[in-house]
């Protein structure tokens, strides 16, 4: 049958859809239904395992993997060649040594909860991206050449592109708000990372997601990523599995930043 009029074509398409549509049960009822006894909706097992919280909310709980406790860099290696991490450690703090390059964890992770604290030095100089720049790659991929970067930067009164300020997933998702503290004060990230999943043919089964709090304030709310974070170009996905976490030694000329109290819970 030939349908030359657009209205007739639309009517035919609607009729076809109505004939082939299979009703889907309502998974979200709009009114109460079902059992009338409270016991019918009580769940008693499996019982959640006990985790002892830290003495404070920033202290590692009993099931945490401590990645930096202020004493050494035994959990870290140089990204470029796997040699011992070359950053400095003093007074419970690790400080970036820019000529030593990025460092990353010896272990690889998939999904996790991460706590990490960082500090821009007092008297920081420079502007924009050349002011206290670093980054936390929540998964370091392609032999440390790519990954998914949560930006670290002095964003206290320092103007730059919004998807490159602290709290941003670099060049992809600006932070919801700017809760940065001034240089010289410690800042904290609390992150929930869900790694991407890939099908057997390499296609994306589900993207990476990140939820992040900066200084206790939500800045990324279950944000889906379009792929690795790039300085230039379009994000893309390349299949990978569990990956290390990488800390960036950025090449800007400003004074190096510091990190402390890093721990992780695998999910």
Protein backbone atom coordinates (compact mmCIF):
# COMPACT_ATOMS: atom_id res chain seq x y z
CA UNK A 1 0.00 0.00 0.00
CA UNK A 2 1.34 3.39 -0.95
CA UNK A 3 0.90 6.19 1.60
CA UNK A 4 1.73 9.55 0.09
CA UNK A 5 0.34 11.87 2.76
CA UNK A 6 2.49 12.39 5.89
CA UNK A 7 -0.56 12.19 8.15
CA UNK A 8 -1.56 8.84 6.67
CA UNK A 9 2.00 7.55 7.12
CA UNK A 10 2.03 8.63 10.78
CA UNK A 11 -1.32 6.90 11.40
CA UNK A 12 0.01 3.68 9.87
CA UNK A 13 3.13 3.77 12.06
CA UNK A 14 1.07 4.32 15.21
CA UNK A 15 -1.24 1.45 14.27
CA UNK A 16 1.72 -0.86 13.66
CA UNK A 17 3.29 0.06 17.02
CA UNK A 18 -0.02 -0.59 18.79
CA UNK A 19 -0.27 -4.04 17.22
CA UNK A 20 3.28 -5.07 18.17
CA UNK A 21 3.49 -3.49 21.64
CA UNK A 22 3.71 -5.91 24.55
CA UNK A 23 2.48 -4.46 27.84
CA UNK A 24 5.12 -4.29 30.58
CA UNK A 25 4.02 -4.95 34.15
CA UNK A 26 4.10 -1.86 36.33
CA UNK A 27 7.22 -2.22 38.45
CA UNK A 28 6.35 0.87 40.50
CA UNK A 29 2.73 0.66 41.72
CA UNK A 30 1.04 3.94 42.50
CA UNK A 31 -0.96 2.49 45.39
CA UNK A 32 -0.32 -0.10 48.17
CA UNK A 33 -0.92 -3.74 47.27
CA UNK A 34 0.20 -7.23 48.18
CA UNK A 35 0.83 -8.73 51.63
CA UNK A 36 -0.95 -7.23 54.63
CA UNK A 37 1.43 -8.47 57.36
CA UNK A 38 4.68 -6.57 58.11
CA UNK A 39 6.62 -9.84 58.38
CA UNK A 40 6.01 -10.53 54.68
CA UNK A 41 8.37 -7.68 53.67
CA UNK A 42 11.09 -8.15 56.30
CA UNK A 43 14.50 -9.36 55.09
CA UNK A 44 16.71 -11.12 57.67
CA UNK A 45 19.64 -12.46 55.65
CA UNK A 46 22.33 -12.21 54.56
CA UNK A 47 23.37 -10.12 57.54
CA UNK A 48 25.71 -7.22 56.56
CA UNK A 49 29.23 -7.82 57.81
CA UNK A 50 30.50 -5.60 60.59
CA UNK A 51 32.95 -2.84 59.70
CA UNK A 52 34.43 -0.79 62.51
CA UNK A 53 34.52 2.89 61.54
CA UNK A 54 37.57 5.03 62.11
CA UNK A 55 37.77 7.27 65.15
CA UNK A 56 36.86 10.16 62.82
CA UNK A 57 35.15 10.19 59.44
CA UNK A 58 38.48 10.74 57.67
CA UNK A 59 40.23 7.86 59.46
CA UNK A 60 40.36 4.47 57.70
CA UNK A 61 37.69 1.95 58.74
CA UNK A 62 38.61 -1.62 59.64
CA UNK A 63 38.24 -2.98 56.09
CA UNK A 64 40.23 -0.22 54.36
CA UNK A 65 43.40 -0.66 52.34
CA UNK A 66 45.73 2.07 53.56
CA UNK A 67 47.61 3.47 50.58
CA UNK A 68 49.51 6.16 52.48
CA UNK A 69 49.75 6.39 56.27
CA UNK A 70 52.38 9.12 56.37
CA UNK A 71 55.43 6.89 56.81
CA UNK A 72 56.48 5.58 53.38
CA UNK A 73 55.55 5.07 49.72
CA UNK A 74 55.61 1.26 49.82
CA UNK A 75 52.19 1.09 48.13
CA UNK A 76 53.33 3.22 45.18
CA UNK A 77 55.64 3.00 42.17
CA UNK A 78 56.77 5.37 39.45
CA UNK A 79 54.28 5.24 36.58
CA UNK A 80 56.88 5.50 33.83
CA UNK A 81 58.91 2.40 34.71
CA UNK A 82 57.59 0.74 37.89
CA UNK A 83 60.61 1.79 39.96
CA UNK A 84 60.19 3.00 43.55
CA UNK A 85 58.09 6.15 43.78
CA UNK A 86 60.33 9.21 43.87
CA UNK A 87 58.17 11.69 45.76
CA UNK A 88 59.27 13.01 49.15
CA UNK A 89 57.80 11.98 52.52
CA UNK A 90 58.18 14.07 55.69
CA UNK A 91 56.03 14.81 58.75
CA UNK A 92 53.29 12.42 57.62
CA UNK A 93 52.94 14.07 54.21
CA UNK A 94 53.94 13.11 50.68
CA UNK A 95 54.90 15.95 48.35
CA UNK A 96 55.10 15.86 44.58
CA UNK A 97 58.59 15.78 43.08
CA UNK A 98 57.88 16.93 39.54
CA UNK A 99 61.02 15.56 37.85
CA UNK A 100 60.18 12.11 39.26
CA UNK A 101 56.92 12.04 37.31
CA UNK A 102 53.57 10.50 38.17
CA UNK A 103 53.20 7.73 40.73
CA UNK A 104 50.58 5.00 40.90
CA UNK A 105 49.44 2.24 43.23
CA UNK A 106 51.06 -1.17 43.03
CA UNK A 107 47.62 -2.73 43.28
CA UNK A 108 44.86 -2.53 40.69
CA UNK A 109 41.23 -1.86 41.62
CA UNK A 110 37.79 -2.03 40.06
CA UNK A 111 35.02 -0.43 42.15
CA UNK A 112 35.92 1.34 45.37
CA UNK A 113 35.42 4.09 47.95
CA UNK A 114 38.45 6.40 48.19
CA UNK A 115 39.50 8.99 50.75
CA UNK A 116 42.42 11.29 49.91
CA UNK A 117 43.57 14.65 51.29
CA UNK A 118 45.59 17.31 49.46
CA UNK A 119 47.02 20.76 50.10
CA UNK A 120 47.98 23.65 47.87
CA UNK A 121 51.07 25.31 49.38
CA UNK A 122 50.85 28.74 50.97
CA UNK A 123 52.24 31.39 48.65
CA UNK A 124 51.33 29.48 45.49
CA UNK A 125 52.01 31.46 42.32
CA UNK A 126 50.72 31.33 38.77
CA UNK A 127 47.19 31.41 37.42
CA UNK A 128 44.65 29.20 35.71
CA UNK A 129 45.92 25.68 35.07
CA UNK A 130 49.46 26.72 36.09
CA UNK A 131 48.59 27.10 39.78
CA UNK A 132 48.89 24.05 42.02
CA UNK A 133 47.93 21.62 39.28
CA UNK A 134 47.79 17.88 39.93
CA UNK A 135 45.21 15.17 39.44
CA UNK A 136 43.88 11.88 40.77
CA UNK A 137 43.41 9.33 38.01
CA UNK A 138 40.72 7.07 39.42
CA UNK A 139 41.81 4.40 36.96
CA UNK A 140 45.13 4.71 35.16
CA UNK A 141 44.92 2.99 31.77
CA UNK A 142 47.00 2.29 28.67
CA UNK A 143 50.23 1.85 30.66
CA UNK A 144 49.75 5.13 32.48
CA UNK A 145 49.21 7.15 29.32
CA UNK A 146 45.47 7.67 29.83
CA UNK A 147 42.83 7.40 32.53
CA UNK A 148 39.96 9.17 34.26
CA UNK A 149 41.15 12.29 36.08
CA UNK A 150 39.53 14.00 39.04
CA UNK A 151 41.18 17.42 38.92
CA UNK A 152 43.33 18.86 41.70
CA UNK A 153 44.04 22.59 41.38
CA UNK A 154 44.02 25.79 43.37
CA UNK A 155 40.45 26.89 42.68
CA UNK A 156 40.20 29.37 45.55
CA UNK A 157 39.75 32.61 43.63
CA UNK A 158 41.63 31.22 40.62
CA UNK A 159 39.77 31.45 37.31
CA UNK A 160 40.01 28.72 34.67
CA UNK A 161 37.64 26.74 32.46
CA UNK A 162 35.00 25.25 34.73
CA UNK A 163 35.50 21.65 33.57
CA UNK A 164 39.15 22.02 34.57
CA UNK A 165 38.81 23.42 38.09
CA UNK A 166 39.14 21.37 41.27
CA UNK A 167 36.20 19.00 41.65
CA UNK A 168 35.84 18.52 37.89
CA UNK A 169 36.18 15.28 36.00
CA UNK A 170 38.72 16.86 33.71
CA UNK A 171 37.31 18.30 30.46
CA UNK A 172 34.07 16.33 30.94
CA UNK A 173 32.06 17.34 33.98
CA UNK A 174 32.37 20.61 35.96
CA UNK A 175 31.79 20.41 39.73
CA UNK A 176 28.28 21.16 40.96
CA UNK A 177 29.69 23.87 43.28
CA UNK A 178 33.07 25.29 44.35
CA UNK A 179 33.80 24.40 48.01
CA UNK A 180 37.58 24.93 47.82
CA UNK A 181 39.61 26.07 50.80
CA UNK A 182 42.40 28.60 50.50
CA UNK A 183 46.03 27.60 49.93
CA UNK A 184 47.76 26.26 53.02
CA UNK A 185 44.62 24.44 54.26
CA UNK A 186 44.03 20.71 53.84
CA UNK A 187 41.25 19.62 51.50
CA UNK A 188 39.67 16.19 51.11
CA UNK A 189 38.05 14.09 48.42
CA UNK A 190 35.70 11.24 49.22
CA UNK A 191 34.98 9.32 46.03
CA UNK A 192 32.84 6.38 44.96
CA UNK A 193 34.21 4.96 41.70
CA UNK A 194 32.34 2.48 39.51
CA UNK A 195 34.58 1.19 36.74
CA UNK A 196 33.28 0.76 33.20
CA UNK A 197 32.29 -2.67 31.95
CA UNK A 198 32.90 -3.98 28.45
CA UNK A 199 31.28 -6.61 26.28
CA UNK A 200 33.28 -9.44 24.69
CA UNK A 201 33.50 -7.46 21.44
CA UNK A 202 35.02 -4.45 23.24
CA UNK A 203 31.89 -2.33 23.21
CA UNK A 204 30.79 -0.54 26.38
CA UNK A 205 28.33 -2.52 28.49
CA UNK A 206 28.13 0.27 31.08
CA UNK A 207 30.15 3.50 31.42
CA UNK A 208 32.26 4.59 34.36
CA UNK A 209 30.45 6.51 37.10
CA UNK A 210 31.88 8.80 39.76
CA UNK A 211 30.39 10.35 42.87
CA UNK A 212 32.70 12.78 44.65
CA UNK A 213 32.59 15.01 47.71
CA UNK A 214 35.10 17.86 48.05
CA UNK A 215 35.49 19.00 51.66
CA UNK A 216 32.25 17.18 52.48
CA UNK A 217 30.28 18.88 49.70
CA UNK A 218 28.88 16.93 46.75
CA UNK A 219 30.60 17.97 43.49
CA UNK A 220 29.93 14.93 41.24
CA UNK A 221 26.63 13.08 41.58
CA UNK A 222 26.87 9.60 40.02
CA UNK A 223 28.31 11.25 36.93
CA UNK A 224 28.63 9.02 33.84
CA UNK A 225 31.86 9.47 31.89
CA UNK A 226 32.13 9.46 28.11
CA UNK A 227 35.55 7.80 28.27
CA UNK A 228 39.04 8.71 29.37
CA UNK A 229 39.70 12.37 30.21
CA UNK A 230 41.78 14.13 27.57
CA UNK A 231 43.55 17.48 27.36
CA UNK A 232 42.87 17.57 23.62
CA UNK A 233 40.29 15.53 21.74
CA UNK A 234 37.11 13.54 22.24
CA UNK A 235 36.79 11.06 25.13
CA UNK A 236 36.80 7.40 24.15
CA UNK A 237 36.66 3.99 25.78
CA UNK A 238 39.20 1.23 25.28
CA UNK A 239 38.52 -2.06 27.12
CA UNK A 240 40.41 -2.53 30.39
CA UNK A 241 40.02 -4.34 33.67
CA UNK A 242 41.15 -3.51 37.19
CA UNK A 243 43.52 -0.53 37.12
CA UNK A 244 45.88 1.32 39.46
CA UNK A 245 45.18 4.78 40.87
CA UNK A 246 47.61 7.43 39.63
CA UNK A 247 48.67 10.77 41.14
CA UNK A 248 49.90 13.39 38.69
CA UNK A 249 53.14 15.34 38.82
CA UNK A 250 51.99 18.20 36.61
CA UNK A 251 54.62 20.15 34.72
CA UNK A 252 53.42 23.66 35.54
CA UNK A 253 56.04 25.92 37.20
CA UNK A 254 54.17 26.53 40.47
CA UNK A 255 55.26 24.97 43.78
CA UNK A 256 54.42 21.26 44.22
CA UNK A 257 51.34 20.20 46.18
CA UNK A 258 51.11 17.59 48.93
CA UNK A 259 48.94 14.57 49.81
CA UNK A 260 48.19 12.66 52.99
CA UNK A 261 45.80 10.12 54.59
CA UNK A 262 44.95 7.99 51.56
CA UNK A 263 42.81 4.90 52.00
CA UNK A 264 40.42 2.80 49.96
CA UNK A 265 37.62 0.29 50.44
CA UNK A 266 37.01 -2.18 47.64
CA UNK A 267 33.33 -2.51 46.74
